[in-house]
Amino acid sequence: MVKKLLFLICLLTVTTVFCQDPELSEHTWYANSITLNSVTTEAPKNPSMEIQATFDGTSSLTDMCCAGSLNFNINYQGQSTFEITDFSPALETCDETDNNEFRDLYISFFQDATTDTFEYEIVDEQNYWDYKILTLTNADGDIVQLYNTPHSIDTDGYIFENYLDHWHLTGLSDKGTSYSVPYSIAKETEITFQTDGSFNSIVCGEVNSTVVFNGDEFFGDFYILCDDFSLTSGECDNQEMSDIEQAYNTILQNFANSNAVTFERYHADFVEICEIVEVIYIYDSITNSSIELVDCIEYLSTENFNELSFSIYPNPVQDKLILKSPRFESSKLKLTIYTVQGKVVASKNIQIENETSIDVSSLSSGVYFINVEDDKGASTTQKFIKY
């Protein structure tokens, strides 16, 4: 039935233009790789590089961030082939050599075969979320592969908006100065990531940008691409919220100018009221800045906050990590340190009065969790960075 309907639509289109696959124009396509003369080159991933192509009934436009743009007209020969005319690249020079080289490969794929017919195919794939692969093949057998998402296809789709309404901002660190976002503020924040790369966040004002998660479901690189970063001011309810927003916006701008931002996603199943809490931790090693996002914040409310709540400092830490809380009151506690993958790297019984020092100098650099449990089985966990 669908094929018959598509055939009727084709008959109704202008006779000089054959009917192309409608999915071709329904998505923005992000270059993933180019294979020329049997040599495959992956698209660079950095804040100043992104090749994204759009198609309509008669033309194609490719934006290449710092590398310029590419336009050409299209004559569709059917649902799997087309020819191109009026090939028109507008080039710019990037600071990164890899960007220029990949741009040149992308252009040569089309330019060297402008008088030939190109074949295209769209394939549905399903990994952690539904995504599509567009494969273009020229007459020489060279291939360009594009996805309808800029994110790595191995990244957990739970991050993105179609699986989750939004995330909440619960913590941030600006050049080593940490802020814990209280429940009253965290519940008002909304951060969303979409499969097409769109990023939107609301603290007081609103930030919009394009971001990329390049890794797997647990760890990888994080990029804010090109100069696609806009900020709309908003009025905060109080000075504390204003300070948090200012630090948050500064951190995002740091992310946009850095090639050293990573993300980690993990499950925090120690929060009973939320059952399992999903956490995204994004960290820039150059400026020592980070943000923490969670999908459930009810455990932060005053009436639900765990009685074993404690603070840790310094964070990041190099040698000695201090645990402090007036609620401990000379308690006997079990302390466990484990990695984001859940591997226990330290476990011991401790007795403290107000605060205690933990030697973490032997740990490798990275993100860890420290869990404290009392003799009644109540426990709570916090995250720290070892550098």
Protein backbone atom coordinates (compact mmCIF):
# COMPACT_ATOMS: atom_id res chain seq x y z
CA MET A 1 0.00 0.00 0.00
CA VAL A 2 2.86 2.35 0.90
CA LYS A 3 4.59 1.65 -2.41
CA LYS A 4 1.38 2.34 -4.33
CA LEU A 5 0.92 5.62 -2.51
CA LEU A 6 4.52 6.59 -3.21
CA PHE A 7 4.01 5.76 -6.89
CA LEU A 8 0.94 8.00 -7.06
CA ILE A 9 2.88 10.83 -5.41
CA CYS A 10 5.61 10.43 -7.99
CA LEU A 11 3.08 10.67 -10.82
CA LEU A 12 1.81 13.92 -9.39
CA THR A 13 5.24 15.57 -9.21
CA VAL A 14 6.67 17.72 -11.98
CA THR A 15 7.53 15.45 -14.88
CA THR A 16 11.07 16.82 -15.24
CA VAL A 17 11.94 15.68 -11.70
CA PHE A 18 11.83 11.99 -10.81
CA CYS A 19 10.62 10.96 -7.37
CA GLN A 20 13.41 10.57 -4.84
CA ASP A 21 13.23 8.66 -1.58
CA PRO A 22 11.31 11.06 0.70
CA GLU A 23 13.56 10.20 3.66
CA LEU A 24 16.44 11.86 1.85
CA SER A 25 14.93 15.30 2.43
CA GLU A 26 13.44 14.53 5.85
CA HIS A 27 16.77 14.49 7.66
CA THR A 28 19.97 16.43 8.07
CA TRP A 29 22.82 14.05 7.25
CA TYR A 30 26.19 14.12 9.04
CA ALA A 31 29.28 12.82 7.26
CA ASN A 32 30.77 9.82 9.05
CA SER A 33 33.38 8.54 6.59
CA ILE A 34 34.68 8.72 3.03
CA THR A 35 36.17 5.82 1.08
CA LEU A 36 38.25 6.86 -1.95
CA ASN A 37 40.31 4.31 -3.89
CA SER A 38 39.52 1.74 -1.17
CA VAL A 39 41.00 3.97 1.56
CA THR A 40 38.51 4.96 4.30
CA THR A 41 38.88 8.23 6.21
CA GLU A 42 36.76 8.95 9.27
CA ALA A 43 35.30 12.43 9.71
CA PRO A 44 37.25 14.51 12.27
CA LYS A 45 35.51 15.16 15.57
CA ASN A 46 36.34 18.53 17.06
CA PRO A 47 34.45 21.73 17.92
CA SER A 48 35.27 23.43 14.62
CA MET A 49 34.40 20.59 12.24
CA GLU A 50 31.08 19.21 11.14
CA ILE A 51 29.90 18.27 7.66
CA GLN A 52 26.14 18.20 7.43
CA ALA A 53 24.18 17.81 4.19
CA THR A 54 20.55 18.54 3.37
CA PHE A 55 18.68 17.52 0.23
CA ASP A 56 15.48 18.72 -1.36
CA GLY A 57 13.71 18.07 -4.65
CA THR A 58 16.23 19.94 -6.80
CA SER A 59 19.42 20.69 -4.86
CA SER A 60 21.79 19.85 -2.03
CA LEU A 61 23.54 22.08 0.49
CA THR A 62 26.42 20.93 2.67
CA ASP A 63 27.62 23.12 5.53
CA MET A 64 31.19 22.34 6.55
CA CYS A 65 31.69 24.61 9.56
CA CYS A 66 35.09 26.24 9.30
CA ALA A 67 35.67 24.52 5.94
CA GLY A 68 32.95 26.39 4.03
CA SER A 69 29.98 25.03 2.10
CA LEU A 70 29.08 23.07 -1.00
CA ASN A 71 26.07 23.49 -3.28
CA PHE A 72 24.90 21.61 -6.35
CA ASN A 73 21.68 21.00 -8.24
CA ILE A 74 20.22 17.50 -8.43
CA ASN A 75 18.41 15.64 -11.19
CA TYR A 76 16.86 12.55 -9.64
CA GLN A 77 16.76 9.50 -11.87
CA GLY A 78 14.56 7.55 -9.46
CA GLN A 79 14.52 6.44 -5.86
CA SER A 80 18.13 5.31 -5.87
CA THR A 81 20.11 7.47 -8.32
CA PHE A 82 20.71 11.10 -9.21
CA GLU A 83 22.95 13.33 -11.32
CA ILE A 84 24.38 16.68 -10.24
CA THR A 85 24.99 19.98 -12.03
CA ASP A 86 26.10 23.51 -11.10
CA PHE A 87 28.71 22.23 -8.67
CA SER A 88 29.62 25.21 -6.45
CA PRO A 89 31.96 24.92 -3.45
CA ALA A 90 32.71 27.95 -1.23
CA LEU A 91 35.86 27.09 0.71
CA GLU A 92 37.46 28.39 3.86
CA THR A 93 40.74 27.46 5.53
CA CYS A 94 40.58 25.74 8.91
CA ASP A 95 43.25 25.88 11.57
CA GLU A 96 43.22 22.08 11.86
CA THR A 97 44.85 20.20 8.98
CA ASP A 98 42.54 17.21 9.38
CA ASN A 99 39.51 19.40 8.77
CA ASN A 100 40.89 20.78 5.51
CA GLU A 101 41.91 17.34 4.30
CA PHE A 102 38.53 15.76 5.01
CA ARG A 103 36.76 18.68 3.38
CA ASP A 104 38.86 18.22 0.24
CA LEU A 105 38.07 14.49 0.13
CA TYR A 106 34.36 15.19 0.47
CA ILE A 107 34.43 17.70 -2.39
CA SER A 108 36.51 15.47 -4.65
CA PHE A 109 33.99 12.65 -4.20
CA PHE A 110 31.41 14.76 -6.04
CA GLN A 111 33.65 16.93 -8.21
CA ASP A 112 35.49 14.05 -9.85
CA ALA A 113 32.22 12.46 -10.96
CA THR A 114 29.94 15.40 -11.76
CA THR A 115 29.09 13.97 -15.19
CA ASP A 116 28.25 10.54 -13.78
CA THR A 117 25.32 9.05 -11.92
CA PHE A 118 25.41 8.71 -8.14
CA GLU A 119 23.64 5.91 -6.33
CA TYR A 120 22.19 6.38 -2.87
CA GLU A 121 20.67 4.06 -0.30
CA ILE A 122 19.07 4.71 3.09
CA VAL A 123 19.23 1.87 5.61
CA ASP A 124 17.45 1.71 8.96
CA GLU A 125 19.70 0.59 11.78
CA GLN A 126 18.89 0.01 15.42
CA ASN A 127 21.42 0.00 18.19
CA TYR A 128 20.55 1.92 21.34
CA TRP A 129 18.14 4.03 19.31
CA ASP A 130 16.76 4.12 15.79
CA TYR A 131 19.04 5.83 13.32
CA LYS A 132 19.55 5.84 9.57
CA ILE A 133 22.59 5.49 7.35
CA LEU A 134 22.79 7.23 3.98
CA THR A 135 25.33 5.72 1.59
CA LEU A 136 26.33 7.63 -1.55
CA THR A 137 28.33 5.83 -4.25
CA ASN A 138 29.85 7.46 -7.31
CA ALA A 139 30.67 5.85 -10.66
CA ASP A 140 34.21 5.01 -9.48
CA GLY A 141 32.89 2.98 -6.58
CA ASP A 142 33.93 5.57 -3.99
CA ILE A 143 31.61 5.90 -1.01
CA VAL A 144 30.46 8.62 1.37
CA GLN A 145 28.58 7.43 4.42
CA LEU A 146 26.38 9.80 6.42
CA TYR A 147 24.17 9.34 9.48
CA ASN A 148 21.05 11.25 10.46
CA THR A 149 22.73 12.02 13.80
CA PRO A 150 26.11 13.59 14.62
CA HIS A 151 26.45 11.36 17.70
CA SER A 152 28.39 8.13 17.77
CA ILE A 153 26.02 5.27 17.02
CA ASP A 154 27.37 3.43 20.07
CA THR A 155 26.26 6.17 22.46
CA ASP A 156 23.33 5.15 24.62
CA GLY A 157 20.13 6.57 23.16
CA TYR A 158 18.83 7.13 26.68
CA ILE A 159 20.78 10.38 26.68
CA PHE A 160 18.59 11.83 23.97
CA GLU A 161 15.26 13.57 24.15
CA ASN A 162 13.19 10.89 22.43
CA TYR A 163 13.94 8.56 25.35
CA LEU A 164 13.86 11.17 28.12
CA ASP A 165 12.02 14.44 28.76
CA HIS A 166 15.00 16.31 30.17
CA TRP A 167 17.93 16.28 32.56
CA HIS A 168 18.49 18.43 35.66
CA LEU A 169 21.65 20.33 36.61
CA THR A 170 22.77 19.14 40.07
CA GLY A 171 26.43 20.09 40.25
CA LEU A 172 29.18 22.04 38.52
CA SER A 173 32.79 23.00 38.95
CA ASP A 174 34.37 26.11 37.44
CA LYS A 175 38.19 25.97 37.45
CA GLY A 176 38.18 23.82 40.57
CA THR A 177 35.50 25.78 42.43
CA SER A 178 32.57 23.42 42.99
CA TYR A 179 28.89 24.25 43.36
CA SER A 180 26.23 21.85 44.59
CA VAL A 181 22.92 22.85 43.08
CA PRO A 182 20.17 22.77 45.74
CA TYR A 183 16.89 21.04 45.07
CA SER A 184 14.97 24.33 44.84
CA ILE A 185 17.12 25.35 41.86
CA ALA A 186 17.82 21.94 40.32
CA LYS A 187 14.11 21.21 39.90
CA GLU A 188 13.74 24.37 37.79
CA THR A 189 16.52 23.43 35.34
CA GLU A 190 15.85 21.63 32.07
CA ILE A 191 18.58 20.25 29.79
CA THR A 192 17.76 18.27 26.65
CA PHE A 193 19.88 16.52 24.03
CA GLN A 194 18.30 15.42 20.76
CA THR A 195 19.42 12.81 18.25
CA ASP A 196 20.00 15.50 15.59
CA GLY A 197 22.61 17.15 17.84
CA SER A 198 20.39 19.92 19.17
CA PHE A 199 21.15 21.00 22.72
CA ASN A 200 18.88 23.16 24.84
CA SER A 201 19.18 24.14 28.48
CA ILE A 202 17.22 26.39 30.78
CA VAL A 203 18.58 27.63 34.09
CA CYS A 204 17.44 31.23 34.25
CA GLY A 205 18.07 32.09 30.64
CA GLU A 206 18.25 29.67 27.74
CA VAL A 207 21.22 28.18 25.88
CA ASN A 208 20.97 26.54 22.47
CA SER A 209 23.75 24.83 20.57
CA THR A 210 24.78 21.71 18.64
CA VAL A 211 26.67 19.03 20.54
CA VAL A 212 28.15 15.61 19.83
CA PHE A 213 28.63 12.57 22.06
CA ASN A 214 31.42 10.55 20.44
CA GLY A 215 32.01 7.32 22.34
CA ASP A 216 30.03 4.47 23.82
CA GLU A 217 27.25 4.30 26.41
CA PHE A 218 29.64 4.88 29.33
CA PHE A 219 32.44 7.17 28.18
CA GLY A 220 33.67 9.30 25.29
CA ASP A 221 34.41 12.75 23.94
CA PHE A 222 31.95 15.64 24.07
CA TYR A 223 31.94 18.53 21.61
CA ILE A 224 30.04 21.75 21.14
CA LEU A 225 30.40 22.18 17.39
CA CYS A 226 31.40 25.22 15.37
CA ASP A 227 30.27 28.62 16.62
CA ASP A 228 26.73 27.38 17.07
CA PHE A 229 26.22 28.72 20.60
CA SER A 230 23.45 31.16 21.51
CA LEU A 231 22.46 32.52 24.90
CA THR A 232 19.17 34.21 25.71
CA SER A 233 19.22 36.02 29.04
CA GLY A 234 16.61 35.34 31.70
CA GLU A 235 15.79 36.65 35.15
CA CYS A 236 16.89 34.50 38.07
CA ASP A 237 14.78 34.17 41.21
CA ASN A 238 17.66 34.86 43.60
CA GLN A 239 21.39 35.60 43.79
CA GLU A 240 22.36 31.97 44.37
CA MET A 241 20.58 30.91 41.19
CA SER A 242 22.20 33.82 39.33
CA ASP A 243 25.68 32.74 40.51
CA ILE A 244 25.03 29.15 39.44
CA GLU A 245 23.80 30.25 36.03
CA GLN A 246 26.82 32.50 35.49
CA ALA A 247 29.22 29.68 36.35
CA TYR A 248 27.23 27.24 34.20
CA ASN A 249 27.32 29.51 31.14
CA THR A 250 31.06 30.08 31.60
CA ILE A 251 31.63 26.32 31.72
CA LEU A 252 29.63 25.74 28.52
CA GLN A 253 31.67 28.42 26.75
CA ASN A 254 34.84 26.67 27.97
CA PHE A 255 33.50 23.44 26.50
CA ALA A 256 32.89 25.16 23.15
CA ASN A 257 36.53 26.27 22.97
CA SER A 258 38.14 23.02 24.07
CA ASN A 259 39.21 19.75 22.47
CA ALA A 260 39.58 18.03 25.84
CA VAL A 261 35.99 17.60 27.04
CA THR A 262 34.84 14.11 27.97
CA PHE A 263 31.55 12.64 29.16
CA GLU A 264 30.79 9.74 31.47
CA ARG A 265 27.37 8.21 31.95
CA TYR A 266 26.60 5.93 34.85
CA HIS A 267 23.78 4.56 37.02
CA ALA A 268 23.50 5.65 40.64
CA ASP A 269 21.34 2.95 42.20
CA PHE A 270 22.07 4.07 45.75
CA VAL A 271 19.23 6.62 45.79
CA GLU A 272 16.20 4.74 47.06
CA ILE A 273 13.53 7.34 46.31
CA CYS A 274 14.46 7.45 42.61
CA GLU A 275 15.36 3.74 42.43
CA ILE A 276 17.96 4.16 39.66
CA VAL A 277 19.35 7.60 38.88
CA GLU A 278 20.94 8.18 35.47
CA VAL A 279 23.88 10.60 35.57
CA ILE A 280 25.83 12.37 32.83
CA TYR A 281 29.12 13.91 33.96
CA ILE A 282 30.86 16.23 31.46
CA TYR A 283 34.42 17.35 32.26
CA ASP A 284 37.01 19.62 30.63
CA SER A 285 40.51 18.63 31.75
CA ILE A 286 42.10 21.86 30.47
CA THR A 287 40.05 24.28 32.58
CA ASN A 288 39.17 21.76 35.30
CA SER A 289 35.49 22.52 34.75
CA SER A 290 32.53 20.18 34.83
CA ILE A 291 28.77 19.83 34.97
CA GLU A 292 26.68 17.01 36.42
CA LEU A 293 23.22 16.16 35.08
CA VAL A 294 20.71 13.66 36.47
CA ASP A 295 17.29 12.45 35.38
CA CYS A 296 15.80 12.31 38.89
CA ILE A 297 16.38 14.90 41.63
CA GLU A 298 13.74 14.07 44.23
CA TYR A 299 16.40 12.65 46.53
CA LEU A 300 17.78 16.20 46.85
CA SER A 301 14.66 17.52 48.54
CA THR A 302 15.18 18.31 52.23
CA GLU A 303 12.68 15.77 53.48
CA ASN A 304 14.24 12.97 51.41
CA PHE A 305 17.96 13.73 51.62
CA ASN A 306 19.90 10.83 53.09
CA GLU A 307 20.89 11.31 56.71
CA LEU A 308 24.38 10.08 55.87
CA SER A 309 24.98 13.04 53.56
CA PHE A 310 28.61 14.16 53.63
CA SER A 311 30.94 16.50 51.80
CA ILE A 312 34.30 15.67 50.25
CA TYR A 313 37.22 17.95 49.42
CA PRO A 314 39.41 18.78 47.63
CA ASN A 315 37.70 17.63 44.45
CA PRO A 316 39.52 16.97 42.12
CA VAL A 317 42.01 15.39 44.50
CA GLN A 318 45.62 14.25 44.14
CA ASP A 319 46.61 12.60 47.43
CA LYS A 320 44.28 13.02 50.43
CA LEU A 321 40.47 13.10 50.19
CA ILE A 322 38.69 14.59 53.23
CA LEU A 323 35.25 13.32 54.26
CA LYS A 324 33.33 15.72 56.46
CA SER A 325 29.87 15.73 58.04
CA PRO A 326 28.63 16.73 61.49
CA ARG A 327 26.05 13.95 61.17
CA PHE A 328 28.66 11.21 61.46
CA GLU A 329 29.25 11.90 65.19
CA SER A 330 31.88 9.23 65.84
CA SER A 331 30.15 6.63 63.69
CA LYS A 332 31.51 3.27 62.60
CA LEU A 333 31.19 3.21 58.83
CA LYS A 334 32.08 1.00 55.89
CA LEU A 335 33.80 2.93 53.11
CA THR A 336 33.97 1.66 49.51
CA ILE A 337 35.58 3.30 46.49
CA TYR A 338 34.74 2.05 43.02
CA THR A 339 35.11 3.03 39.37
CA VAL A 340 32.39 4.17 36.97
CA GLN A 341 32.30 0.59 35.67
CA GLY A 342 31.47 -0.64 39.20
CA LYS A 343 34.88 -2.19 40.01
CA VAL A 344 35.75 -1.89 43.71
CA VAL A 345 39.26 -0.43 44.16
CA ALA A 346 39.21 0.14 47.95
CA SER A 347 37.07 -1.04 50.85
CA LYS A 348 37.58 -0.70 54.61
CA ASN A 349 35.88 0.01 57.92
CA ILE A 350 36.48 3.44 59.42
CA GLN A 351 35.50 5.36 62.55
CA ILE A 352 35.45 9.13 62.34
CA GLU A 353 34.47 12.17 64.32
CA ASN A 354 33.25 14.96 62.02
CA GLU A 355 35.90 14.29 59.35
CA THR A 356 38.55 11.87 58.21
CA SER A 357 41.29 11.71 55.58
CA ILE A 358 41.40 9.00 52.89
CA ASP A 359 44.60 8.27 50.99
CA VAL A 360 43.80 8.04 47.25
CA SER A 361 47.32 8.69 45.93
CA SER A 362 47.63 5.14 44.55
CA LEU A 363 44.54 5.46 42.34
CA SER A 364 44.93 6.09 38.62
CA SER A 365 43.62 9.36 37.21
CA GLY A 366 39.90 9.26 36.52
CA VAL A 367 36.41 9.47 38.00
CA TYR A 368 35.50 7.43 41.10
CA PHE A 369 32.62 7.00 43.54
CA ILE A 370 32.95 6.81 47.30
CA ASN A 371 30.18 5.02 49.21
CA VAL A 372 29.66 5.30 52.96
CA GLU A 373 27.42 2.80 54.77
CA ASP A 374 26.51 2.68 58.48
CA ASP A 375 25.87 -0.41 60.62
CA LYS A 376 22.14 -0.20 59.86
CA GLY A 377 22.66 -0.50 56.12
CA ALA A 378 21.89 3.16 55.25
CA SER A 379 24.32 4.45 52.66
CA THR A 380 25.07 7.32 50.33
CA THR A 381 27.56 7.88 47.54
CA GLN A 382 29.46 10.81 46.04
CA LYS A 383 31.70 11.23 43.03
CA PHE A 384 35.28 12.52 42.98
CA ILE A 385 38.01 13.04 40.40
CA LYS A 386 41.55 11.76 40.91
CA TYR A 387 44.21 13.60 38.90
